[in-house]
Amino acid sequence: MENLVKTKWGLDPAHSEIAFKVKHLMITNVKGVFKEFEASIYTTDDDFMTSEIDFWMNAASVDTGAPDRDTHLKSPDFFDVENHKQISFKGNTYEKVDNDGSYTLYGDLTIKGISKQIKLDIEFGGVMKDPWGNEKAGFSINGKINRKDWGLNWNAALEAGGVLVSDEVRISCEVQLVRQS
């Protein structure tokens, strides 16, 4: 029996972005990011299909470029950061989509104490050594969720019909991991 080695990976925050988009007024997308996030990721050797993923972000670090909107997002209408400091994700199931680095990742997303399984589309960019000898792995991560599944229900009706903020939230992340020694 061969010796399987657990490999620990950490997030490189300078080369990672945790972003989302939501339709506003039913006509344009408003983008936001979370500025503070961390992950604990373990693989068996370098096989990312074996990943144990524990990811969390500071809900109060939400940034949409509009301070008033960010304050509203931090309120009980949305993330309720006073009572729910973290948003977390635990990855648990992988499916290979093709042989070109496309995968589906299933896991539990927890917002405001409510956990629901979500599906994320993963594009594996590969593994590369940076100029300082650090081994890095890159991923593009995309998905869609309905914010109401986590009790993020606030909205306003529009005079012409429709609503101010769509229920669908598009997740769009660029993640660079660095192998830990």
N, C-alpha and C. Protein backbone atom coordinates (compact mmCIF):
# COMPACT_ATOMS: atom_id res chain seq x y z
N MET A 1 0.85 -1.19 0.00
CA MET A 1 0.00 0.00 0.00
C MET A 1 0.88 1.24 0.00
N GLU A 2 0.56 2.18 -0.91
CA GLU A 2 1.39 3.38 -0.99
C GLU A 2 1.08 4.35 0.14
N ASN A 3 2.03 5.22 0.39
CA ASN A 3 1.91 6.20 1.45
C ASN A 3 1.21 7.45 0.94
N LEU A 4 -0.01 7.72 1.38
CA LEU A 4 -0.72 8.92 0.96
C LEU A 4 -0.40 10.05 1.92
N VAL A 5 -0.07 11.20 1.35
CA VAL A 5 0.34 12.34 2.15
C VAL A 5 -0.73 13.43 2.08
N LYS A 6 -1.09 13.96 3.25
CA LYS A 6 -2.02 15.09 3.29
C LYS A 6 -1.23 16.36 2.97
N THR A 7 -1.74 17.13 2.02
CA THR A 7 -1.12 18.39 1.65
C THR A 7 -2.03 19.52 2.10
N LYS A 8 -1.46 20.49 2.83
CA LYS A 8 -2.25 21.64 3.29
C LYS A 8 -2.04 22.80 2.31
N TRP A 9 -3.15 23.44 1.95
CA TRP A 9 -3.14 24.60 1.07
C TRP A 9 -3.80 25.77 1.79
N GLY A 10 -3.28 26.97 1.58
CA GLY A 10 -3.89 28.17 2.13
C GLY A 10 -4.26 29.12 0.99
N LEU A 11 -5.12 30.06 1.29
CA LEU A 11 -5.50 31.06 0.29
C LEU A 11 -4.43 32.14 0.18
N ASP A 12 -4.19 32.58 -1.02
CA ASP A 12 -3.34 33.75 -1.25
C ASP A 12 -4.27 34.94 -1.45
N PRO A 13 -4.51 35.74 -0.38
CA PRO A 13 -5.52 36.80 -0.48
C PRO A 13 -5.17 37.88 -1.50
N ALA A 14 -3.89 38.08 -1.77
CA ALA A 14 -3.49 39.11 -2.73
C ALA A 14 -3.85 38.71 -4.17
N HIS A 15 -4.06 37.42 -4.40
CA HIS A 15 -4.37 36.94 -5.74
C HIS A 15 -5.70 36.19 -5.78
N SER A 16 -6.59 36.51 -4.86
CA SER A 16 -7.90 35.86 -4.81
C SER A 16 -8.98 36.94 -4.66
N GLU A 17 -10.14 36.66 -5.24
CA GLU A 17 -11.27 37.58 -5.11
C GLU A 17 -12.54 36.77 -4.89
N ILE A 18 -13.28 37.14 -3.86
CA ILE A 18 -14.56 36.50 -3.54
C ILE A 18 -15.64 37.53 -3.89
N ALA A 19 -16.33 37.31 -5.01
CA ALA A 19 -17.24 38.33 -5.53
C ALA A 19 -18.63 37.75 -5.80
N PHE A 20 -19.59 38.66 -5.90
CA PHE A 20 -20.96 38.28 -6.23
C PHE A 20 -21.58 39.41 -7.06
N LYS A 21 -22.62 39.06 -7.80
CA LYS A 21 -23.37 40.04 -8.58
C LYS A 21 -24.86 39.80 -8.36
N VAL A 22 -25.60 40.91 -8.30
CA VAL A 22 -27.05 40.86 -8.12
C VAL A 22 -27.66 41.87 -9.08
N LYS A 23 -28.74 41.49 -9.74
CA LYS A 23 -29.46 42.44 -10.61
C LYS A 23 -30.12 43.51 -9.76
N HIS A 24 -29.95 44.77 -10.20
CA HIS A 24 -30.54 45.92 -9.54
C HIS A 24 -31.50 46.59 -10.52
N LEU A 25 -32.69 46.91 -10.06
CA LEU A 25 -33.73 47.51 -10.90
C LEU A 25 -34.07 46.62 -12.09
N MET A 26 -33.68 45.35 -12.03
CA MET A 26 -33.93 44.37 -13.08
C MET A 26 -33.20 44.67 -14.39
N ILE A 27 -32.26 45.64 -14.38
CA ILE A 27 -31.62 46.02 -15.64
C ILE A 27 -30.10 45.99 -15.62
N THR A 28 -29.48 46.11 -14.43
CA THR A 28 -28.02 46.10 -14.37
C THR A 28 -27.55 45.23 -13.20
N ASN A 29 -26.31 44.80 -13.28
CA ASN A 29 -25.72 44.02 -12.19
C ASN A 29 -24.93 44.94 -11.27
N VAL A 30 -25.09 44.73 -9.97
CA VAL A 30 -24.26 45.40 -8.98
C VAL A 30 -23.31 44.34 -8.44
N LYS A 31 -22.02 44.67 -8.41
CA LYS A 31 -21.00 43.71 -7.97
C LYS A 31 -20.56 44.05 -6.55
N GLY A 32 -20.27 43.01 -5.79
CA GLY A 32 -19.73 43.20 -4.45
C GLY A 32 -18.64 42.17 -4.21
N VAL A 33 -17.79 42.46 -3.24
CA VAL A 33 -16.73 41.52 -2.85
C VAL A 33 -16.71 41.44 -1.33
N PHE A 34 -16.10 40.38 -0.85
CA PHE A 34 -15.79 40.26 0.58
C PHE A 34 -14.28 40.44 0.69
N LYS A 35 -13.85 41.37 1.54
CA LYS A 35 -12.43 41.73 1.65
C LYS A 35 -11.65 40.82 2.60
N GLU A 36 -12.34 40.18 3.56
CA GLU A 36 -11.65 39.33 4.54
C GLU A 36 -12.18 37.92 4.46
N PHE A 37 -11.28 36.98 4.12
CA PHE A 37 -11.67 35.58 3.98
C PHE A 37 -10.46 34.69 4.22
N GLU A 38 -10.73 33.44 4.53
CA GLU A 38 -9.66 32.48 4.81
C GLU A 38 -10.19 31.09 4.52
N ALA A 39 -9.27 30.16 4.34
CA ALA A 39 -9.66 28.78 4.08
C ALA A 39 -8.63 27.83 4.64
N SER A 40 -9.11 26.64 4.96
CA SER A 40 -8.26 25.53 5.34
C SER A 40 -8.58 24.42 4.34
N ILE A 41 -7.61 24.06 3.53
CA ILE A 41 -7.82 23.09 2.47
C ILE A 41 -6.75 22.01 2.56
N TYR A 42 -7.21 20.78 2.56
CA TYR A 42 -6.29 19.64 2.57
C TYR A 42 -6.60 18.75 1.38
N THR A 43 -5.54 18.30 0.71
CA THR A 43 -5.70 17.32 -0.36
C THR A 43 -4.87 16.09 -0.03
N THR A 44 -5.20 14.98 -0.66
CA THR A 44 -4.34 13.80 -0.58
C THR A 44 -3.34 13.95 -1.72
N ASP A 45 -2.07 14.05 -1.36
CA ASP A 45 -1.02 14.42 -2.32
C ASP A 45 -1.44 15.72 -3.01
N ASP A 46 -1.47 15.75 -4.36
CA ASP A 46 -1.88 16.96 -5.07
C ASP A 46 -3.22 16.77 -5.78
N ASP A 47 -4.01 15.81 -5.33
CA ASP A 47 -5.27 15.51 -5.99
C ASP A 47 -6.39 16.38 -5.42
N PHE A 48 -6.77 17.42 -6.16
CA PHE A 48 -7.79 18.35 -5.67
C PHE A 48 -9.18 17.72 -5.62
N MET A 49 -9.38 16.58 -6.28
CA MET A 49 -10.65 15.85 -6.18
C MET A 49 -10.84 15.25 -4.78
N THR A 50 -9.77 15.24 -3.98
CA THR A 50 -9.84 14.71 -2.61
C THR A 50 -9.93 15.85 -1.59
N SER A 51 -10.09 17.09 -2.06
CA SER A 51 -10.02 18.26 -1.17
C SER A 51 -11.02 18.22 -0.03
N GLU A 52 -10.52 18.57 1.14
CA GLU A 52 -11.36 18.87 2.30
C GLU A 52 -11.32 20.39 2.40
N ILE A 53 -12.44 21.04 2.12
CA ILE A 53 -12.47 22.50 2.04
C ILE A 53 -13.29 23.07 3.19
N ASP A 54 -12.67 23.97 3.91
CA ASP A 54 -13.32 24.74 4.96
C ASP A 54 -13.02 26.20 4.65
N PHE A 55 -14.03 26.96 4.24
CA PHE A 55 -13.83 28.35 3.82
C PHE A 55 -14.75 29.24 4.64
N TRP A 56 -14.26 30.40 5.04
CA TRP A 56 -15.10 31.34 5.76
C TRP A 56 -14.71 32.76 5.40
N MET A 57 -15.69 33.65 5.52
CA MET A 57 -15.41 35.07 5.28
C MET A 57 -16.14 35.90 6.32
N ASN A 58 -15.58 37.07 6.54
CA ASN A 58 -16.15 38.02 7.49
C ASN A 58 -17.30 38.73 6.78
N ALA A 59 -18.53 38.49 7.23
CA ALA A 59 -19.71 39.09 6.59
C ALA A 59 -19.64 40.62 6.61
N ALA A 60 -19.01 41.20 7.63
CA ALA A 60 -18.91 42.66 7.74
C ALA A 60 -17.90 43.24 6.76
N SER A 61 -17.15 42.40 6.05
CA SER A 61 -16.15 42.90 5.10
C SER A 61 -16.75 43.09 3.71
N VAL A 62 -18.07 42.97 3.58
CA VAL A 62 -18.73 43.16 2.28
C VAL A 62 -18.47 44.58 1.78
N ASP A 63 -18.18 44.69 0.48
CA ASP A 63 -17.85 45.98 -0.13
C ASP A 63 -18.42 46.02 -1.53
N THR A 64 -19.40 46.91 -1.73
CA THR A 64 -20.00 47.09 -3.06
C THR A 64 -19.62 48.43 -3.67
N GLY A 65 -18.75 49.17 -2.99
CA GLY A 65 -18.34 50.48 -3.49
C GLY A 65 -19.30 51.59 -3.11
N ALA A 66 -20.36 51.27 -2.37
CA ALA A 66 -21.35 52.26 -1.93
C ALA A 66 -21.57 52.08 -0.43
N PRO A 67 -20.98 52.96 0.41
CA PRO A 67 -21.06 52.78 1.87
C PRO A 67 -22.48 52.62 2.41
N ASP A 68 -23.46 53.36 1.88
CA ASP A 68 -24.83 53.22 2.38
C ASP A 68 -25.39 51.84 2.08
N ARG A 69 -25.11 51.33 0.87
CA ARG A 69 -25.58 49.99 0.51
C ARG A 69 -24.88 48.94 1.38
N ASP A 70 -23.57 49.12 1.61
CA ASP A 70 -22.83 48.17 2.46
C ASP A 70 -23.41 48.13 3.87
N THR A 71 -23.77 49.30 4.41
CA THR A 71 -24.37 49.37 5.75
C THR A 71 -25.70 48.60 5.75
N HIS A 72 -26.49 48.75 4.68
CA HIS A 72 -27.76 48.02 4.59
C HIS A 72 -27.50 46.52 4.50
N LEU A 73 -26.50 46.10 3.73
CA LEU A 73 -26.18 44.67 3.61
C LEU A 73 -25.75 44.07 4.95
N LYS A 74 -25.12 44.87 5.80
CA LYS A 74 -24.66 44.39 7.11
C LYS A 74 -25.79 44.33 8.14
N SER A 75 -26.92 44.96 7.82
CA SER A 75 -28.05 45.06 8.75
C SER A 75 -28.83 43.75 8.82
N PRO A 76 -29.78 43.65 9.77
CA PRO A 76 -30.61 42.44 9.87
C PRO A 76 -31.43 42.14 8.59
N ASP A 77 -31.64 43.15 7.71
CA ASP A 77 -32.33 42.90 6.44
C ASP A 77 -31.58 41.89 5.58
N PHE A 78 -30.25 41.84 5.74
CA PHE A 78 -29.44 40.95 4.93
C PHE A 78 -28.54 40.06 5.81
N PHE A 79 -27.26 40.41 5.96
CA PHE A 79 -26.31 39.52 6.63
C PHE A 79 -26.37 39.54 8.15
N ASP A 80 -26.95 40.57 8.76
CA ASP A 80 -27.09 40.65 10.21
C ASP A 80 -25.75 40.37 10.91
N VAL A 81 -24.75 41.18 10.57
CA VAL A 81 -23.38 40.92 11.02
C VAL A 81 -23.19 41.01 12.54
N GLU A 82 -24.11 41.68 13.23
CA GLU A 82 -24.01 41.73 14.69
C GLU A 82 -24.18 40.34 15.29
N ASN A 83 -25.08 39.55 14.71
CA ASN A 83 -25.39 38.22 15.23
C ASN A 83 -24.76 37.08 14.44
N HIS A 84 -24.32 37.36 13.22
CA HIS A 84 -23.75 36.32 12.36
C HIS A 84 -22.49 36.86 11.69
N LYS A 85 -21.38 36.70 12.38
CA LYS A 85 -20.11 37.30 11.94
C LYS A 85 -19.55 36.65 10.67
N GLN A 86 -19.78 35.32 10.51
CA GLN A 86 -19.15 34.61 9.40
C GLN A 86 -20.15 34.02 8.44
N ILE A 87 -19.72 33.97 7.19
CA ILE A 87 -20.37 33.18 6.15
C ILE A 87 -19.38 32.06 5.85
N SER A 88 -19.86 30.82 5.80
CA SER A 88 -18.90 29.72 5.62
C SER A 88 -19.36 28.76 4.52
N PHE A 89 -18.40 28.01 4.02
CA PHE A 89 -18.66 26.99 3.01
C PHE A 89 -17.79 25.78 3.32
N LYS A 90 -18.40 24.61 3.32
CA LYS A 90 -17.67 23.35 3.48
C LYS A 90 -17.95 22.51 2.25
N GLY A 91 -16.90 22.26 1.47
CA GLY A 91 -17.03 21.45 0.26
C GLY A 91 -17.03 19.98 0.63
N ASN A 92 -17.89 19.17 -0.04
CA ASN A 92 -17.94 17.77 0.34
C ASN A 92 -18.05 16.76 -0.80
N THR A 93 -18.43 17.17 -2.02
CA THR A 93 -18.58 16.21 -3.11
C THR A 93 -18.09 16.83 -4.41
N TYR A 94 -17.35 16.04 -5.20
CA TYR A 94 -16.82 16.52 -6.48
C TYR A 94 -17.27 15.63 -7.60
N GLU A 95 -17.49 16.24 -8.76
CA GLU A 95 -17.75 15.48 -9.98
C GLU A 95 -16.89 16.07 -11.07
N LYS A 96 -16.22 15.20 -11.81
CA LYS A 96 -15.42 15.65 -12.94
C LYS A 96 -16.38 15.90 -14.10
N VAL A 97 -16.28 17.05 -14.75
CA VAL A 97 -17.17 17.39 -15.86
C VAL A 97 -16.53 16.98 -17.18
N ASP A 98 -15.21 17.22 -17.30
CA ASP A 98 -14.48 16.86 -18.52
C ASP A 98 -13.02 16.64 -18.16
N ASN A 99 -12.19 16.46 -19.16
CA ASN A 99 -10.75 16.24 -18.91
C ASN A 99 -9.94 17.51 -19.07
N ASP A 100 -10.62 18.66 -19.14
CA ASP A 100 -9.94 19.94 -19.32
C ASP A 100 -9.95 20.79 -18.06
N GLY A 101 -10.18 20.19 -16.90
CA GLY A 101 -10.12 20.93 -15.65
C GLY A 101 -11.45 21.48 -15.17
N SER A 102 -12.56 21.00 -15.71
CA SER A 102 -13.87 21.44 -15.25
C SER A 102 -14.44 20.44 -14.25
N TYR A 103 -14.92 20.97 -13.13
CA TYR A 103 -15.47 20.14 -12.07
C TYR A 103 -16.73 20.78 -11.53
N THR A 104 -17.55 19.98 -10.88
CA THR A 104 -18.67 20.49 -10.10
C THR A 104 -18.35 20.17 -8.65
N LEU A 105 -18.52 21.16 -7.80
CA LEU A 105 -18.27 21.02 -6.37
C LEU A 105 -19.59 21.27 -5.64
N TYR A 106 -19.95 20.35 -4.77
CA TYR A 106 -21.12 20.52 -3.92
C TYR A 106 -20.65 20.73 -2.49
N GLY A 107 -21.36 21.59 -1.77
CA GLY A 107 -20.99 21.83 -0.39
C GLY A 107 -22.06 22.61 0.32
N ASP A 108 -21.85 22.80 1.61
CA ASP A 108 -22.82 23.50 2.44
C ASP A 108 -22.40 24.94 2.66
N LEU A 109 -23.27 25.86 2.21
CA LEU A 109 -23.07 27.29 2.42
C LEU A 109 -23.92 27.69 3.62
N THR A 110 -23.28 28.37 4.59
CA THR A 110 -23.99 28.81 5.79
C THR A 110 -23.98 30.34 5.85
N ILE A 111 -25.19 30.89 5.84
CA ILE A 111 -25.38 32.34 5.98
C ILE A 111 -26.45 32.53 7.04
N LYS A 112 -26.19 33.42 8.00
CA LYS A 112 -27.14 33.71 9.09
C LYS A 112 -27.57 32.43 9.81
N GLY A 113 -26.65 31.49 9.97
CA GLY A 113 -26.94 30.26 10.70
C GLY A 113 -27.73 29.23 9.92
N ILE A 114 -28.06 29.52 8.67
CA ILE A 114 -28.82 28.59 7.83
C ILE A 114 -27.85 27.93 6.85
N SER A 115 -27.82 26.58 6.85
CA SER A 115 -26.94 25.84 5.94
C SER A 115 -27.78 25.18 4.85
N LYS A 116 -27.33 25.36 3.62
CA LYS A 116 -27.98 24.74 2.46
C LYS A 116 -26.89 24.27 1.51
N GLN A 117 -27.16 23.12 0.85
CA GLN A 117 -26.19 22.64 -0.12
C GLN A 117 -26.29 23.47 -1.40
N ILE A 118 -25.13 23.83 -1.94
CA ILE A 118 -25.08 24.55 -3.21
C ILE A 118 -24.16 23.81 -4.17
N LYS A 119 -24.26 24.17 -5.44
CA LYS A 119 -23.43 23.59 -6.50
C LYS A 119 -22.58 24.71 -7.09
N LEU A 120 -21.30 24.45 -7.22
CA LEU A 120 -20.39 25.43 -7.81
C LEU A 120 -19.68 24.81 -9.01
N ASP A 121 -19.50 25.61 -10.05
CA ASP A 121 -18.73 25.17 -11.21
C ASP A 121 -17.29 25.63 -11.03
N ILE A 122 -16.37 24.67 -11.15
CA ILE A 122 -14.95 24.95 -10.90
C ILE A 122 -14.17 24.76 -12.20
N GLU A 123 -13.31 25.74 -12.51
CA GLU A 123 -12.33 25.59 -13.58
C GLU A 123 -10.96 25.59 -12.92
N PHE A 124 -10.26 24.47 -13.05
CA PHE A 124 -8.92 24.33 -12.47
C PHE A 124 -7.92 24.90 -13.46
N GLY A 125 -7.19 25.93 -13.04
CA GLY A 125 -6.22 26.59 -13.92
C GLY A 125 -4.88 25.89 -13.97
N GLY A 126 -4.60 25.05 -12.98
CA GLY A 126 -3.32 24.35 -12.94
C GLY A 126 -2.52 24.69 -11.71
N VAL A 127 -1.32 24.10 -11.65
CA VAL A 127 -0.38 24.34 -10.55
C VAL A 127 0.89 24.90 -11.16
N MET A 128 1.46 25.91 -10.48
CA MET A 128 2.64 26.59 -11.00
C MET A 128 3.49 27.06 -9.83
N LYS A 129 4.81 27.09 -10.03
CA LYS A 129 5.71 27.67 -9.02
C LYS A 129 5.88 29.15 -9.33
N ASP A 130 5.77 29.99 -8.30
CA ASP A 130 6.00 31.43 -8.51
C ASP A 130 7.51 31.70 -8.47
N PRO A 131 7.96 32.94 -8.77
CA PRO A 131 9.40 33.24 -8.81
C PRO A 131 10.13 33.02 -7.48
N TRP A 132 9.38 32.88 -6.38
CA TRP A 132 9.99 32.70 -5.05
C TRP A 132 9.94 31.24 -4.61
N GLY A 133 9.54 30.35 -5.52
CA GLY A 133 9.53 28.92 -5.23
C GLY A 133 8.28 28.39 -4.56
N ASN A 134 7.26 29.25 -4.41
CA ASN A 134 5.99 28.80 -3.80
C ASN A 134 5.15 28.09 -4.84
N GLU A 135 4.58 26.95 -4.44
CA GLU A 135 3.71 26.21 -5.35
C GLU A 135 2.29 26.73 -5.21
N LYS A 136 1.71 27.15 -6.33
CA LYS A 136 0.38 27.76 -6.33
C LYS A 136 -0.57 26.96 -7.22
N ALA A 137 -1.84 26.99 -6.88
CA ALA A 137 -2.89 26.36 -7.69
C ALA A 137 -3.98 27.40 -7.91
N GLY A 138 -4.53 27.45 -9.13
CA GLY A 138 -5.51 28.47 -9.46
C GLY A 138 -6.86 27.88 -9.85
N PHE A 139 -7.92 28.56 -9.43
CA PHE A 139 -9.29 28.11 -9.70
C PHE A 139 -10.20 29.29 -9.99
N SER A 140 -11.10 29.11 -10.95
CA SER A 140 -12.22 30.05 -11.15
C SER A 140 -13.46 29.31 -10.66
N ILE A 141 -14.27 29.99 -9.86
CA ILE A 141 -15.42 29.35 -9.22
C ILE A 141 -16.65 30.20 -9.52
N ASN A 142 -17.70 29.55 -10.03
CA ASN A 142 -18.93 30.26 -10.36
C ASN A 142 -20.14 29.46 -9.89
N GLY A 143 -21.19 30.17 -9.54
CA GLY A 143 -22.42 29.50 -9.13
C GLY A 143 -23.56 30.49 -9.02
N LYS A 144 -24.73 29.98 -8.74
CA LYS A 144 -25.92 30.81 -8.55
C LYS A 144 -26.66 30.29 -7.34
N ILE A 145 -27.15 31.22 -6.52
CA ILE A 145 -27.99 30.85 -5.38
C ILE A 145 -29.20 31.77 -5.36
N ASN A 146 -30.23 31.34 -4.64
CA ASN A 146 -31.38 32.20 -4.38
C ASN A 146 -31.21 32.71 -2.95
N ARG A 147 -31.01 34.00 -2.80
CA ARG A 147 -30.72 34.58 -1.48
C ARG A 147 -31.82 34.31 -0.46
N LYS A 148 -33.06 34.12 -0.92
CA LYS A 148 -34.18 33.89 0.00
C LYS A 148 -34.05 32.54 0.72
N ASP A 149 -33.27 31.60 0.16
CA ASP A 149 -33.03 30.32 0.82
C ASP A 149 -32.31 30.50 2.16
N TRP A 150 -31.64 31.65 2.33
CA TRP A 150 -30.92 31.93 3.58
C TRP A 150 -31.57 33.06 4.36
N GLY A 151 -32.83 33.35 4.07
CA GLY A 151 -33.55 34.38 4.81
C GLY A 151 -33.14 35.80 4.47
N LEU A 152 -32.49 36.01 3.32
CA LEU A 152 -32.12 37.36 2.88
C LEU A 152 -33.27 37.87 2.01
N ASN A 153 -34.36 38.23 2.67
CA ASN A 153 -35.64 38.45 1.98
C ASN A 153 -35.94 39.89 1.61
N TRP A 154 -35.22 40.86 2.14
CA TRP A 154 -35.57 42.26 1.93
C TRP A 154 -35.68 42.58 0.44
N ASN A 155 -36.67 43.39 0.09
CA ASN A 155 -36.81 43.87 -1.28
C ASN A 155 -37.75 45.06 -1.29
N ALA A 156 -37.87 45.68 -2.44
CA ALA A 156 -38.82 46.78 -2.64
C ALA A 156 -39.44 46.62 -4.02
N ALA A 157 -40.75 46.77 -4.08
CA ALA A 157 -41.44 46.67 -5.36
C ALA A 157 -41.18 47.94 -6.18
N LEU A 158 -41.13 47.78 -7.49
CA LEU A 158 -40.93 48.91 -8.38
C LEU A 158 -42.27 49.35 -8.96
N GLU A 159 -42.40 50.65 -9.16
CA GLU A 159 -43.63 51.21 -9.70
C GLU A 159 -44.02 50.56 -11.03
N ALA A 160 -43.03 50.31 -11.88
CA ALA A 160 -43.29 49.75 -13.21
C ALA A 160 -43.43 48.23 -13.18
N GLY A 161 -43.39 47.64 -11.99
CA GLY A 161 -43.44 46.18 -11.86
C GLY A 161 -42.04 45.65 -11.61
N GLY A 162 -41.99 44.48 -11.03
CA GLY A 162 -40.68 43.91 -10.70
C GLY A 162 -40.22 44.35 -9.33
N VAL A 163 -38.95 44.05 -9.05
CA VAL A 163 -38.40 44.35 -7.73
C VAL A 163 -37.04 45.03 -7.86
N LEU A 164 -36.64 45.69 -6.77
CA LEU A 164 -35.38 46.44 -6.75
C LEU A 164 -34.17 45.51 -6.85
N VAL A 165 -34.20 44.40 -6.10
CA VAL A 165 -33.04 43.50 -6.04
C VAL A 165 -33.50 42.09 -6.42
N SER A 166 -32.79 41.46 -7.37
CA SER A 166 -33.19 40.10 -7.78
C SER A 166 -32.94 39.10 -6.66
N ASP A 167 -33.68 37.99 -6.70
CA ASP A 167 -33.46 36.92 -5.72
C ASP A 167 -32.18 36.15 -6.05
N GLU A 168 -31.86 36.07 -7.34
CA GLU A 168 -30.69 35.30 -7.77
C GLU A 168 -29.40 36.09 -7.51
N VAL A 169 -28.46 35.41 -6.89
CA VAL A 169 -27.14 35.97 -6.64
C VAL A 169 -26.14 35.11 -7.40
N ARG A 170 -25.33 35.74 -8.21
CA ARG A 170 -24.29 35.02 -8.96
C ARG A 170 -22.98 35.12 -8.19
N ILE A 171 -22.39 33.97 -7.93
CA ILE A 171 -21.11 33.89 -7.23
C ILE A 171 -20.02 33.81 -8.29
N SER A 172 -18.97 34.60 -8.12
CA SER A 172 -17.88 34.61 -9.08
C SER A 172 -16.57 34.84 -8.33
N CYS A 173 -15.74 33.80 -8.24
CA CYS A 173 -14.52 33.89 -7.45
C CYS A 173 -13.30 33.47 -8.26
N GLU A 174 -12.21 34.14 -8.02
CA GLU A 174 -10.90 33.74 -8.53
C GLU A 174 -10.07 33.41 -7.30
N VAL A 175 -9.58 32.19 -7.23
CA VAL A 175 -8.89 31.74 -6.02
C VAL A 175 -7.52 31.20 -6.38
N GLN A 176 -6.50 31.68 -5.66
CA GLN A 176 -5.16 31.15 -5.80
C GLN A 176 -4.76 30.57 -4.45
N LEU A 177 -4.42 29.29 -4.48
CA LEU A 177 -3.98 28.60 -3.27
C LEU A 177 -2.47 28.52 -3.27
N VAL A 178 -1.89 28.45 -2.08
CA VAL A 178 -0.45 28.27 -1.95
C VAL A 178 -0.22 27.08 -1.02
N ARG A 179 0.67 26.18 -1.48
CA ARG A 179 1.00 25.00 -0.69
C ARG A 179 1.71 25.44 0.58
N GLN A 180 1.24 24.89 1.71
CA GLN A 180 1.85 25.21 3.01
C GLN A 180 2.93 24.16 3.32
N SER A 181 3.99 24.62 3.95
CA SER A 181 5.07 23.66 4.27
C SER A 181 4.77 22.89 5.54
